[in-house]
Amino acid sequence: LCRILLLAVLGLTSGCSLFHASVTRGYREALAAGPYDALVVPGFPSKNGRWNRVTKARVYWSRDLFEKGVAHHIIYSGAAVQTPYVEGELMALYARAIGVPPQVILVETNALHSCENLYYSYQLARSLGFEKVAVVSDPLHTPHLRRVAREFDLPLAFLPVDFVRLSQIPKGKPQVDSRAAYVEGFVPLKQRMTRQEIKWASAGGRIRAEQADRNRANDGGEIP
């Protein structure tokens, strides 16, 4: 799935305009509802501690939105899942390197899947008193994230990357020390969980389990 998404984004950045009209409409609608307390940026695996085009697009887009006053904070989300690099931490390193103020950056490092990026980031945002939260991702990823938000009743807006606008944003070649996001003794998720457990978690299993525990606690029952 990650390889497919990367290839799709490469196609979009190569000049494909099929998504531009719908992205622009969604962008304008979400923009009109801003400013937001925070943007959520889902992570993407890095093989060597460097950002790839998927991550680069999301991070630059989040910076552009912040600089335009669209949001006051940015939450970079993702654990070390397929590689030893914590996705949220690595994005935060690059965000700081390209000029996002450190004081507006938040990192969520529990999420193992896209649905968890949204859920755990939203929980973090709410714990900080944030009310209006939007999600930043690429156009092919965003429809899936919208379904997740509906399924788990997360009141999120969506600001998908507009690659036409993104191409006009000044960029550089930031250098970061990716060791700060590296997990020693890392074990890939596929070795930590069975295939069935991974499928369960990717479909929101951990989220539902936590919600059930919270409901039992609220009802006065014991949490096992």
Protein backbone atom coordinates (compact mmCIF):
# COMPACT_ATOMS: atom_id res chain seq x y z
CA LEU A 1 0.00 0.00 0.00
CA CYS A 2 2.81 2.42 0.88
CA ARG A 3 4.56 1.71 -2.45
CA ILE A 4 1.31 2.26 -4.36
CA LEU A 5 0.70 5.54 -2.57
CA LEU A 6 4.23 6.74 -3.25
CA LEU A 7 3.92 5.94 -6.95
CA ALA A 8 0.57 7.70 -7.08
CA VAL A 9 1.98 10.83 -5.50
CA LEU A 10 4.93 10.76 -7.87
CA GLY A 11 2.42 10.70 -10.70
CA LEU A 12 0.56 13.64 -9.28
CA THR A 13 3.73 15.67 -8.80
CA SER A 14 4.72 14.91 -12.39
CA GLY A 15 1.93 17.04 -13.74
CA CYS A 16 -1.26 15.00 -13.40
CA SER A 17 -4.16 17.46 -12.96
CA LEU A 18 -7.05 15.01 -12.63
CA PHE A 19 -7.46 15.78 -8.95
CA HIS A 20 -6.83 19.51 -9.07
CA ALA A 21 -10.43 20.70 -9.40
CA SER A 22 -11.79 18.52 -6.60
CA VAL A 23 -8.80 19.29 -4.36
CA THR A 24 -9.31 23.01 -4.91
CA ARG A 25 -13.00 22.76 -3.97
CA GLY A 26 -12.24 20.80 -0.82
CA TYR A 27 -9.45 23.18 0.06
CA ARG A 28 -11.66 26.24 -0.30
CA GLU A 29 -14.47 24.73 1.74
CA ALA A 30 -12.17 23.70 4.58
CA LEU A 31 -10.25 26.95 4.38
CA ALA A 32 -13.44 28.94 4.84
CA ALA A 33 -14.05 27.15 8.15
CA GLY A 34 -10.62 28.07 9.54
CA PRO A 35 -8.45 29.06 11.20
CA TYR A 36 -7.83 25.76 12.96
CA ASP A 37 -6.27 25.09 16.32
CA ALA A 38 -4.15 22.35 14.78
CA LEU A 39 -3.31 20.47 11.61
CA VAL A 40 -2.79 16.69 11.74
CA VAL A 41 -0.15 15.34 9.35
CA PRO A 42 -0.11 11.51 9.02
CA GLY A 43 3.29 9.90 8.70
CA PHE A 44 4.82 7.72 6.00
CA PRO A 45 7.69 5.20 6.32
CA SER A 46 11.27 6.32 5.71
CA LYS A 47 13.79 3.64 4.78
CA ASN A 48 16.94 5.64 5.41
CA GLY A 49 15.96 8.50 7.70
CA ARG A 50 15.37 10.90 4.83
CA TRP A 51 12.02 12.20 3.72
CA ASN A 52 10.54 10.89 0.50
CA ARG A 53 8.20 12.78 -1.80
CA VAL A 54 5.09 11.76 0.11
CA THR A 55 6.41 13.07 3.41
CA LYS A 56 7.99 16.12 1.80
CA ALA A 57 4.69 17.15 0.20
CA ARG A 58 2.77 16.82 3.47
CA VAL A 59 5.35 18.71 5.53
CA TYR A 60 5.79 21.57 3.06
CA TRP A 61 2.01 21.86 2.68
CA SER A 62 1.55 22.01 6.45
CA ARG A 63 4.19 24.74 6.65
CA ASP A 64 2.49 26.74 3.92
CA LEU A 65 -0.88 26.49 5.65
CA PHE A 66 0.64 27.55 8.96
CA GLU A 67 2.39 30.53 7.39
CA LYS A 68 -0.88 31.59 5.80
CA GLY A 69 -2.53 31.62 9.23
CA VAL A 70 -4.73 28.61 8.49
CA ALA A 71 -3.70 26.86 11.73
CA HIS A 72 -1.93 27.67 14.98
CA HIS A 73 -0.26 24.30 15.63
CA ILE A 74 0.82 21.23 13.65
CA ILE A 75 0.67 17.64 14.90
CA TYR A 76 3.00 15.25 13.08
CA SER A 77 1.77 11.72 13.68
CA GLY A 78 3.22 8.23 13.40
CA ALA A 79 5.21 5.60 15.26
CA ALA A 80 8.12 3.53 13.93
CA VAL A 81 6.13 0.93 12.02
CA GLN A 82 7.93 -0.53 9.02
CA THR A 83 11.32 1.10 9.55
CA PRO A 84 13.35 2.18 12.63
CA TYR A 85 12.42 5.85 12.21
CA VAL A 86 9.54 7.32 14.21
CA GLU A 87 7.45 8.90 11.48
CA GLY A 88 6.06 11.77 13.56
CA GLU A 89 9.47 12.65 15.00
CA LEU A 90 11.17 12.57 11.59
CA MET A 91 8.57 14.89 10.06
CA ALA A 92 8.96 17.26 13.00
CA LEU A 93 12.73 17.36 12.45
CA TYR A 94 12.23 18.35 8.82
CA ALA A 95 9.47 20.81 9.69
CA ARG A 96 11.80 22.65 12.05
CA ALA A 97 14.56 22.55 9.43
CA ILE A 98 12.35 24.31 6.87
CA GLY A 99 11.26 27.01 9.27
CA VAL A 100 8.21 25.83 11.19
CA PRO A 101 8.57 27.35 14.69
CA PRO A 102 9.38 24.61 17.24
CA GLN A 103 6.81 25.95 19.69
CA VAL A 104 3.91 25.19 17.33
CA ILE A 105 5.02 21.62 16.57
CA LEU A 106 3.46 18.66 18.39
CA VAL A 107 4.34 15.00 17.85
CA GLU A 108 2.09 11.96 18.20
CA THR A 109 4.03 8.68 18.26
CA ASN A 110 1.46 6.00 19.08
CA ALA A 111 -0.24 5.60 15.68
CA LEU A 112 0.53 2.46 13.69
CA HIS A 113 -2.02 2.99 10.90
CA SER A 114 -3.87 5.80 9.11
CA CYS A 115 -6.97 5.46 11.26
CA GLU A 116 -4.82 5.76 14.36
CA ASN A 117 -3.07 8.85 12.98
CA LEU A 118 -6.42 10.59 13.07
CA TYR A 119 -7.72 9.12 16.31
CA TYR A 120 -4.64 9.57 18.51
CA SER A 121 -3.85 13.00 17.07
CA TYR A 122 -7.39 14.15 17.71
CA GLN A 123 -7.19 12.83 21.28
CA LEU A 124 -3.94 14.77 21.74
CA ALA A 125 -5.53 17.91 20.32
CA ARG A 126 -8.55 17.62 22.63
CA SER A 127 -6.29 17.05 25.66
CA LEU A 128 -4.69 20.42 24.90
CA GLY A 129 -8.04 22.16 24.63
CA PHE A 130 -8.03 22.38 20.83
CA GLU A 131 -11.45 22.28 19.21
CA LYS A 132 -10.97 22.88 15.49
CA VAL A 133 -8.68 20.37 13.84
CA ALA A 134 -7.91 19.72 10.17
CA VAL A 135 -6.00 16.95 8.43
CA VAL A 136 -3.25 17.39 5.84
CA SER A 137 -2.50 14.58 3.40
CA ASP A 138 -2.30 13.94 -0.32
CA PRO A 139 -5.44 13.71 -2.49
CA LEU A 140 -5.37 9.92 -2.91
CA HIS A 141 -5.02 9.34 0.83
CA THR A 142 -7.64 11.88 1.89
CA PRO A 143 -10.81 9.97 0.81
CA HIS A 144 -9.75 7.05 3.03
CA LEU A 145 -9.11 9.44 5.92
CA ARG A 146 -12.54 11.01 5.45
CA ARG A 147 -14.13 7.55 5.79
CA VAL A 148 -12.14 6.94 8.96
CA ALA A 149 -13.29 10.24 10.42
CA ARG A 150 -16.92 9.40 9.70
CA GLU A 151 -16.59 5.87 11.09
CA PHE A 152 -15.15 7.04 14.39
CA ASP A 153 -17.17 10.23 14.61
CA LEU A 154 -14.14 12.53 14.51
CA PRO A 155 -15.12 16.13 13.66
CA LEU A 156 -12.20 16.82 11.36
CA ALA A 157 -11.80 19.06 8.33
CA PHE A 158 -9.50 18.12 5.44
CA LEU A 159 -6.96 20.24 3.57
CA PRO A 160 -5.46 17.89 0.94
CA VAL A 161 -2.22 18.86 -0.74
CA ASP A 162 -2.77 20.89 -3.87
CA PHE A 163 0.22 19.92 -5.99
CA VAL A 164 -0.25 22.90 -8.32
CA ARG A 165 0.05 25.27 -5.38
CA LEU A 166 2.77 23.14 -3.82
CA SER A 167 4.92 23.44 -6.94
CA GLN A 168 5.00 27.21 -6.40
CA ILE A 169 6.23 26.99 -2.79
CA PRO A 170 9.96 27.75 -2.35
CA LYS A 171 11.89 24.67 -1.23
CA GLY A 172 15.42 23.92 -0.15
CA LYS A 173 17.53 20.93 0.84
CA PRO A 174 17.23 20.83 4.62
CA GLN A 175 19.67 18.71 6.58
CA VAL A 176 18.54 16.94 9.73
CA ASP A 177 20.10 14.49 12.15
CA SER A 178 17.67 11.63 11.70
CA ARG A 179 19.27 9.74 14.59
CA ALA A 180 16.95 11.73 16.85
CA ALA A 181 14.04 9.78 15.34
CA TYR A 182 15.81 6.41 15.25
CA VAL A 183 14.66 3.53 17.47
CA GLU A 184 17.46 1.30 18.72
CA GLY A 185 16.64 -2.40 18.64
CA PHE A 186 13.69 -1.74 16.36
CA VAL A 187 11.41 -4.66 15.45
CA PRO A 188 9.12 -4.18 12.40
CA LEU A 189 5.40 -4.32 13.03
CA LYS A 190 5.03 -7.49 10.97
CA GLN A 191 7.29 -9.22 13.51
CA ARG A 192 5.53 -7.70 16.51
CA MET A 193 2.04 -8.65 15.42
CA THR A 194 0.51 -11.48 13.41
CA ARG A 195 -1.02 -10.79 10.03
CA GLN A 196 -4.46 -11.09 11.57
CA GLU A 197 -3.57 -8.65 14.37
CA ILE A 198 -2.21 -6.14 11.87
CA LYS A 199 -5.40 -6.39 9.82
CA TRP A 200 -7.46 -5.95 12.99
CA ALA A 201 -5.49 -2.88 14.06
CA SER A 202 -5.48 -1.29 10.60
CA ALA A 203 -9.27 -1.56 10.57
CA GLY A 204 -9.47 0.35 13.84
CA GLY A 205 -9.37 -2.55 16.29
CA ARG A 206 -7.19 -0.80 18.86
CA ILE A 207 -9.36 2.29 18.65
CA ARG A 208 -12.57 0.35 19.24
CA ALA A 209 -10.98 -1.48 22.15
CA GLU A 210 -9.94 1.81 23.76
CA GLN A 211 -13.37 3.30 23.18
CA ALA A 212 -15.00 0.26 24.77
CA ASP A 213 -12.70 0.54 27.79
CA ARG A 214 -13.51 4.23 28.12
CA ASN A 215 -17.23 3.55 27.93
CA ARG A 216 -16.97 0.89 30.63
CA ALA A 217 -15.02 3.28 32.83
CA ASN A 218 -17.63 6.00 32.31
CA ASP A 219 -20.35 3.50 33.23
CA GLY A 220 -18.56 2.59 36.43
CA GLY A 221 -17.36 -0.81 35.25
CA GLU A 222 -13.87 -2.16 35.61
CA ILE A 223 -11.36 -2.03 32.81
CA PRO A 224 -9.67 -5.43 32.40
